[in-house]
PDB file of all heavy atoms in Angstrom:
ATOM      1  N   ASP A   1     -18.583   7.026  -3.169  1.00  0.00           N
ATOM      2  CA  ASP A   1     -17.860   7.791  -4.263  1.00  0.00           C
ATOM      3  C   ASP A   1     -17.731   6.939  -5.510  1.00  0.00           C
ATOM      4  O   ASP A   1     -17.787   5.667  -5.491  1.00  0.00           O
ATOM      5  CB  ASP A   1     -16.473   8.189  -3.736  1.00  0.00           C
ATOM      6  CG  ASP A   1     -16.544   9.201  -2.650  1.00  0.00           C
ATOM      7  OD1 ASP A   1     -17.597   9.923  -2.593  1.00  0.00           O
ATOM      8  OD2 ASP A   1     -15.607   9.245  -1.850  1.00  0.00           O
ATOM      9  N   ARG A   2     -17.482   7.533  -6.639  1.00  0.00           N
ATOM     10  CA  ARG A   2     -17.201   6.802  -7.865  1.00  0.00           C
ATOM     11  C   ARG A   2     -15.873   6.177  -7.747  1.00  0.00           C
ATOM     12  O   ARG A   2     -14.990   6.731  -7.162  1.00  0.00           O
ATOM     13  CB  ARG A   2     -17.278   7.719  -9.061  1.00  0.00           C
ATOM     14  CG  ARG A   2     -18.653   8.171  -9.413  1.00  0.00           C
ATOM     15  CD  ARG A   2     -18.768   8.989 -10.608  1.00  0.00           C
ATOM     16  NE  ARG A   2     -18.037  10.307 -10.496  1.00  0.00           N
ATOM     17  CZ  ARG A   2     -18.176  11.364 -11.379  1.00  0.00           C
ATOM     18  NH1 ARG A   2     -19.044  11.215 -12.378  1.00  0.00           N
ATOM     19  NH2 ARG A   2     -17.557  12.411 -11.111  1.00  0.00           N
ATOM     20  N   GLU A   3     -15.733   4.979  -8.332  1.00  0.00           N
ATOM     21  CA  GLU A   3     -14.485   4.166  -8.289  1.00  0.00           C
ATOM     22  C   GLU A   3     -14.047   3.704  -9.665  1.00  0.00           C
ATOM     23  O   GLU A   3     -14.955   3.113 -10.342  1.00  0.00           O
ATOM     24  CB  GLU A   3     -14.645   3.001  -7.363  1.00  0.00           C
ATOM     25  CG  GLU A   3     -13.501   2.016  -7.297  1.00  0.00           C
ATOM     26  CD  GLU A   3     -13.765   0.785  -6.622  1.00  0.00           C
ATOM     27  OE1 GLU A   3     -14.999   0.360  -6.423  1.00  0.00           O
ATOM     28  OE2 GLU A   3     -12.837   0.026  -6.208  1.00  0.00           O
ATOM     29  N   VAL A   4     -12.846   4.085 -10.110  1.00  0.00           N
ATOM     30  CA  VAL A   4     -12.324   3.551 -11.311  1.00  0.00           C
ATOM     31  C   VAL A   4     -11.970   2.048 -11.082  1.00  0.00           C
ATOM     32  O   VAL A   4     -11.001   1.817 -10.317  1.00  0.00           O
ATOM     33  CB  VAL A   4     -11.149   4.317 -11.868  1.00  0.00           C
ATOM     34  CG1 VAL A   4     -10.551   3.588 -13.080  1.00  0.00           C
ATOM     35  CG2 VAL A   4     -11.549   5.718 -12.139  1.00  0.00           C
ATOM     36  N   VAL A   5     -12.656   1.150 -11.621  1.00  0.00           N
ATOM     37  CA  VAL A   5     -12.404  -0.292 -11.321  1.00  0.00           C
ATOM     38  C   VAL A   5     -11.449  -0.889 -12.402  1.00  0.00           C
ATOM     39  O   VAL A   5     -10.720  -1.824 -11.995  1.00  0.00           O
ATOM     40  CB  VAL A   5     -13.675  -1.138 -11.248  1.00  0.00           C
ATOM     41  CG1 VAL A   5     -14.592  -0.696 -10.126  1.00  0.00           C
ATOM     42  CG2 VAL A   5     -14.464  -1.097 -12.574  1.00  0.00           C
ATOM     43  N   ALA A   6     -11.425  -0.269 -13.566  1.00  0.00           N
ATOM     44  CA  ALA A   6     -10.490  -0.836 -14.541  1.00  0.00           C
ATOM     45  C   ALA A   6     -10.211   0.199 -15.663  1.00  0.00           C
ATOM     46  O   ALA A   6     -11.141   1.014 -15.968  1.00  0.00           O
ATOM     47  CB  ALA A   6     -11.027  -2.089 -15.230  1.00  0.00           C
ATOM     48  N   ALA A   7      -9.008   0.266 -16.167  1.00  0.00           N
ATOM     49  CA  ALA A   7      -8.676   1.165 -17.251  1.00  0.00           C
ATOM     50  C   ALA A   7      -7.750   0.441 -18.229  1.00  0.00           C
ATOM     51  O   ALA A   7      -6.994  -0.485 -17.835  1.00  0.00           O
ATOM     52  CB  ALA A   7      -7.986   2.386 -16.664  1.00  0.00           C
ATOM     53  N   ILE A   8      -7.855   0.899 -19.477  1.00  0.00           N
ATOM     54  CA  ILE A   8      -6.951   0.246 -20.526  1.00  0.00           C
ATOM     55  C   ILE A   8      -6.423   1.344 -21.422  1.00  0.00           C
ATOM     56  O   ILE A   8      -7.163   2.256 -21.837  1.00  0.00           O
ATOM     57  CB  ILE A   8      -7.815  -0.763 -21.263  1.00  0.00           C
ATOM     58  CG1 ILE A   8      -6.933  -1.553 -22.281  1.00  0.00           C
ATOM     59  CG2 ILE A   8      -8.985  -0.147 -21.938  1.00  0.00           C
ATOM     60  CD1 ILE A   8      -7.669  -2.840 -22.773  1.00  0.00           C
ATOM     61  N   SER A   9      -5.185   1.216 -21.737  1.00  0.00           N
ATOM     62  CA  SER A   9      -4.561   2.209 -22.642  1.00  0.00           C
ATOM     63  C   SER A   9      -5.011   2.016 -24.035  1.00  0.00           C
ATOM     64  O   SER A   9      -5.666   1.038 -24.385  1.00  0.00           O
ATOM     65  CB  SER A   9      -3.000   2.084 -22.630  1.00  0.00           C
ATOM     66  OG  SER A   9      -2.630   0.788 -23.085  1.00  0.00           O
ATOM     67  N   TRP A  10      -4.687   2.988 -24.916  1.00  0.00           N
ATOM     68  CA  TRP A  10      -5.262   3.036 -26.242  1.00  0.00           C
ATOM     69  C   TRP A  10      -4.873   1.790 -27.066  1.00  0.00           C
ATOM     70  O   TRP A  10      -5.662   1.236 -27.847  1.00  0.00           O
ATOM     71  CB  TRP A  10      -4.818   4.298 -27.011  1.00  0.00           C
ATOM     72  CG  TRP A  10      -3.375   4.182 -27.418  1.00  0.00           C
ATOM     73  CD1 TRP A  10      -2.238   4.458 -26.640  1.00  0.00           C
ATOM     74  CD2 TRP A  10      -2.852   3.858 -28.726  1.00  0.00           C
ATOM     75  NE1 TRP A  10      -1.117   4.270 -27.392  1.00  0.00           N
ATOM     76  CE2 TRP A  10      -1.482   3.881 -28.683  1.00  0.00           C
ATOM     77  CE3 TRP A  10      -3.445   3.349 -29.936  1.00  0.00           C
ATOM     78  CZ2 TRP A  10      -0.595   3.537 -29.716  1.00  0.00           C
ATOM     79  CZ3 TRP A  10      -2.658   3.073 -30.996  1.00  0.00           C
ATOM     80  CH2 TRP A  10      -1.302   3.167 -30.864  1.00  0.00           C
ATOM     81  N   SER A  11      -3.686   1.236 -26.816  1.00  0.00           N
ATOM     82  CA  SER A  11      -3.190   0.055 -27.487  1.00  0.00           C
ATOM     83  C   SER A  11      -3.586  -1.230 -26.808  1.00  0.00           C
ATOM     84  O   SER A  11      -3.416  -2.280 -27.402  1.00  0.00           O
ATOM     85  CB  SER A  11      -1.677   0.088 -27.603  1.00  0.00           C
ATOM     86  OG  SER A  11      -1.143  -0.125 -26.258  1.00  0.00           O
ATOM     87  N   GLY A  12      -4.152  -1.116 -25.673  1.00  0.00           N
ATOM     88  CA  GLY A  12      -4.485  -2.309 -24.917  1.00  0.00           C
ATOM     89  C   GLY A  12      -3.265  -2.947 -24.153  1.00  0.00           C
ATOM     90  O   GLY A  12      -3.402  -3.917 -23.477  1.00  0.00           O
ATOM     91  N   GLY A  13      -2.118  -2.224 -24.313  1.00  0.00           N
ATOM     92  CA  GLY A  13      -0.898  -2.828 -23.708  1.00  0.00           C
ATOM     93  C   GLY A  13      -0.797  -2.582 -22.221  1.00  0.00           C
ATOM     94  O   GLY A  13       0.007  -3.317 -21.638  1.00  0.00           O
ATOM     95  N   ARG A  14      -1.494  -1.614 -21.659  1.00  0.00           N
ATOM     96  CA  ARG A  14      -1.464  -1.391 -20.258  1.00  0.00           C
ATOM     97  C   ARG A  14      -2.884  -1.421 -19.727  1.00  0.00           C
ATOM     98  O   ARG A  14      -3.801  -0.926 -20.270  1.00  0.00           O
ATOM     99  CB  ARG A  14      -0.793  -0.027 -19.898  1.00  0.00           C
ATOM    100  CG  ARG A  14       0.690   0.003 -20.163  1.00  0.00           C
ATOM    101  CD  ARG A  14       1.280   1.181 -19.401  1.00  0.00           C
ATOM    102  NE  ARG A  14       1.214   0.958 -17.935  1.00  0.00           N
ATOM    103  CZ  ARG A  14       1.273   1.952 -17.115  1.00  0.00           C
ATOM    104  NH1 ARG A  14       1.356   3.261 -17.479  1.00  0.00           N
ATOM    105  NH2 ARG A  14       1.215   1.745 -15.804  1.00  0.00           N
ATOM    106  N   LYS A  15      -3.024  -2.069 -18.528  1.00  0.00           N
ATOM    107  CA  LYS A  15      -4.268  -2.157 -17.843  1.00  0.00           C
ATOM    108  C   LYS A  15      -4.067  -1.843 -16.368  1.00  0.00           C
ATOM    109  O   LYS A  15      -3.078  -2.106 -15.786  1.00  0.00           O
ATOM    110  CB  LYS A  15      -4.865  -3.544 -18.088  1.00  0.00           C
ATOM    111  CG  LYS A  15      -5.065  -3.935 -19.520  1.00  0.00           C
ATOM    112  CD  LYS A  15      -5.635  -5.338 -19.629  1.00  0.00           C
ATOM    113  CE  LYS A  15      -5.776  -5.695 -21.133  1.00  0.00           C
ATOM    114  NZ  LYS A  15      -6.284  -7.044 -21.280  1.00  0.00           N
ATOM    115  N   TYR A  16      -5.203  -1.326 -15.821  1.00  0.00           N
ATOM    116  CA  TYR A  16      -5.246  -1.038 -14.390  1.00  0.00           C
ATOM    117  C   TYR A  16      -6.451  -1.700 -13.789  1.00  0.00           C
ATOM    118  O   TYR A  16      -7.517  -1.686 -14.438  1.00  0.00           O
ATOM    119  CB  TYR A  16      -5.192   0.467 -14.105  1.00  0.00           C
ATOM    120  CG  TYR A  16      -5.714   0.841 -12.720  1.00  0.00           C
ATOM    121  CD1 TYR A  16      -4.908   0.826 -11.616  1.00  0.00           C
ATOM    122  CD2 TYR A  16      -7.113   1.108 -12.538  1.00  0.00           C
ATOM    123  CE1 TYR A  16      -5.407   1.148 -10.397  1.00  0.00           C
ATOM    124  CE2 TYR A  16      -7.533   1.420 -11.274  1.00  0.00           C
ATOM    125  CZ  TYR A  16      -6.743   1.414 -10.176  1.00  0.00           C
ATOM    126  OH  TYR A  16      -7.177   1.731  -8.984  1.00  0.00           O
ATOM    127  N   TYR A  17      -6.362  -2.220 -12.582  1.00  0.00           N
ATOM    128  CA  TYR A  17      -7.547  -2.765 -11.857  1.00  0.00           C
ATOM    129  C   TYR A  17      -7.450  -2.275 -10.419  1.00  0.00           C
ATOM    130  O   TYR A  17      -6.411  -2.243  -9.803  1.00  0.00           O
ATOM    131  CB  TYR A  17      -7.552  -4.308 -11.837  1.00  0.00           C
ATOM    132  CG  TYR A  17      -7.639  -4.860 -13.213  1.00  0.00           C
ATOM    133  CD1 TYR A  17      -6.563  -5.405 -13.944  1.00  0.00           C
ATOM    134  CD2 TYR A  17      -8.897  -4.987 -13.880  1.00  0.00           C
ATOM    135  CE1 TYR A  17      -6.694  -5.908 -15.204  1.00  0.00           C
ATOM    136  CE2 TYR A  17      -9.045  -5.591 -15.132  1.00  0.00           C
ATOM    137  CZ  TYR A  17      -7.912  -5.981 -15.774  1.00  0.00           C
ATOM    138  OH  TYR A  17      -7.989  -6.545 -17.036  1.00  0.00           O
ATOM    139  N   SER A  18      -8.618  -1.851  -9.919  1.00  0.00           N
ATOM    140  CA  SER A  18      -8.647  -1.560  -8.542  1.00  0.00           C
ATOM    141  C   SER A  18      -8.478  -2.844  -7.666  1.00  0.00           C
ATOM    142  O   SER A  18      -8.787  -3.915  -8.125  1.00  0.00           O
ATOM    143  CB  SER A  18      -9.942  -0.863  -8.133  1.00  0.00           C
ATOM    144  OG  SER A  18     -11.049  -1.769  -8.309  1.00  0.00           O
ATOM    145  N   ASP A  19      -8.057  -2.730  -6.450  1.00  0.00           N
ATOM    146  CA  ASP A  19      -7.813  -3.853  -5.554  1.00  0.00           C
ATOM    147  C   ASP A  19      -9.094  -4.631  -5.336  1.00  0.00           C
ATOM    148  O   ASP A  19      -9.051  -5.839  -5.205  1.00  0.00           O
ATOM    149  CB  ASP A  19      -7.242  -3.387  -4.253  1.00  0.00           C
ATOM    150  CG  ASP A  19      -5.757  -2.994  -4.354  1.00  0.00           C
ATOM    151  OD1 ASP A  19      -5.091  -3.271  -5.348  1.00  0.00           O
ATOM    152  OD2 ASP A  19      -5.345  -2.255  -3.401  1.00  0.00           O
ATOM    153  N   SER A  20     -10.219  -3.953  -5.374  1.00  0.00           N
ATOM    154  CA  SER A  20     -11.470  -4.601  -5.110  1.00  0.00           C
ATOM    155  C   SER A  20     -11.943  -5.604  -6.207  1.00  0.00           C
ATOM    156  O   SER A  20     -12.789  -6.373  -5.965  1.00  0.00           O
ATOM    157  CB  SER A  20     -12.562  -3.537  -4.878  1.00  0.00           C
ATOM    158  OG  SER A  20     -12.758  -2.728  -6.042  1.00  0.00           O
ATOM    159  N   VAL A  21     -11.405  -5.394  -7.420  1.00  0.00           N
ATOM    160  CA  VAL A  21     -11.827  -6.360  -8.489  1.00  0.00           C
ATOM    161  C   VAL A  21     -10.692  -7.085  -9.113  1.00  0.00           C
ATOM    162  O   VAL A  21     -10.931  -7.987  -9.994  1.00  0.00           O
ATOM    163  CB  VAL A  21     -12.558  -5.521  -9.596  1.00  0.00           C
ATOM    164  CG1 VAL A  21     -13.647  -4.666  -9.057  1.00  0.00           C
ATOM    165  CG2 VAL A  21     -11.531  -4.636 -10.408  1.00  0.00           C
ATOM    166  N   LYS A  22      -9.446  -6.860  -8.669  1.00  0.00           N
ATOM    167  CA  LYS A  22      -8.292  -7.510  -9.294  1.00  0.00           C
ATOM    168  C   LYS A  22      -8.479  -9.036  -9.147  1.00  0.00           C
ATOM    169  O   LYS A  22      -8.809  -9.554  -8.085  1.00  0.00           O
ATOM    170  CB  LYS A  22      -7.001  -7.052  -8.553  1.00  0.00           C
ATOM    171  CG  LYS A  22      -5.762  -7.273  -9.308  1.00  0.00           C
ATOM    172  CD  LYS A  22      -4.585  -6.621  -8.584  1.00  0.00           C
ATOM    173  CE  LYS A  22      -4.752  -5.091  -8.578  1.00  0.00           C
ATOM    174  NZ  LYS A  22      -3.584  -4.450  -7.903  1.00  0.00           N
ATOM    175  N   GLY A  23      -8.252  -9.666 -10.270  1.00  0.00           N
ATOM    176  CA  GLY A  23      -8.312 -11.157 -10.332  1.00  0.00           C
ATOM    177  C   GLY A  23      -9.740 -11.667 -10.700  1.00  0.00           C
ATOM    178  O   GLY A  23      -9.881 -12.854 -10.944  1.00  0.00           O
ATOM    179  N   ARG A  24     -10.702 -10.764 -10.644  1.00  0.00           N
ATOM    180  CA  ARG A  24     -12.090 -11.158 -10.962  1.00  0.00           C
ATOM    181  C   ARG A  24     -12.582 -10.520 -12.258  1.00  0.00           C
ATOM    182  O   ARG A  24     -13.396 -11.079 -12.950  1.00  0.00           O
ATOM    183  CB  ARG A  24     -13.053 -10.807  -9.831  1.00  0.00           C
ATOM    184  CG  ARG A  24     -12.663 -11.527  -8.482  1.00  0.00           C
ATOM    185  CD  ARG A  24     -13.754 -11.224  -7.425  1.00  0.00           C
ATOM    186  NE  ARG A  24     -13.830  -9.852  -7.097  1.00  0.00           N
ATOM    187  CZ  ARG A  24     -14.972  -9.113  -7.234  1.00  0.00           C
ATOM    188  NH1 ARG A  24     -16.042  -9.689  -7.707  1.00  0.00           N
ATOM    189  NH2 ARG A  24     -15.005  -7.835  -6.873  1.00  0.00           N
ATOM    190  N   PHE A  25     -12.153  -9.291 -12.513  1.00  0.00           N
ATOM    191  CA  PHE A  25     -12.635  -8.547 -13.689  1.00  0.00           C
ATOM    192  C   PHE A  25     -11.482  -8.375 -14.672  1.00  0.00           C
ATOM    193  O   PHE A  25     -10.248  -8.375 -14.391  1.00  0.00           O
ATOM    194  CB  PHE A  25     -13.035  -7.111 -13.292  1.00  0.00           C
ATOM    195  CG  PHE A  25     -14.277  -6.945 -12.468  1.00  0.00           C
ATOM    196  CD1 PHE A  25     -14.856  -8.110 -11.877  1.00  0.00           C
ATOM    197  CD2 PHE A  25     -14.842  -5.731 -12.241  1.00  0.00           C
ATOM    198  CE1 PHE A  25     -16.050  -7.972 -11.123  1.00  0.00           C
ATOM    199  CE2 PHE A  25     -16.003  -5.599 -11.514  1.00  0.00           C
ATOM    200  CZ  PHE A  25     -16.606  -6.704 -10.949  1.00  0.00           C
ATOM    201  N   THR A  26     -11.901  -8.371 -15.976  1.00  0.00           N
ATOM    202  CA  THR A  26     -10.982  -8.238 -17.078  1.00  0.00           C
ATOM    203  C   THR A  26     -11.437  -7.173 -18.031  1.00  0.00           C
ATOM    204  O   THR A  26     -12.567  -7.305 -18.556  1.00  0.00           O
ATOM    205  CB  THR A  26     -10.735  -9.510 -17.796  1.00  0.00           C
ATOM    206  OG1 THR A  26     -10.257 -10.503 -16.875  1.00  0.00           O
ATOM    207  CG2 THR A  26      -9.651  -9.358 -18.887  1.00  0.00           C
TER     208      THR A  26
END
């Protein structure tokens, strides 16, 4: 399935990372 690995709000102030990439992807 498709996986959202990272997301960023319009301002850049909030970010999300999936557990599978957290700590490795920015």
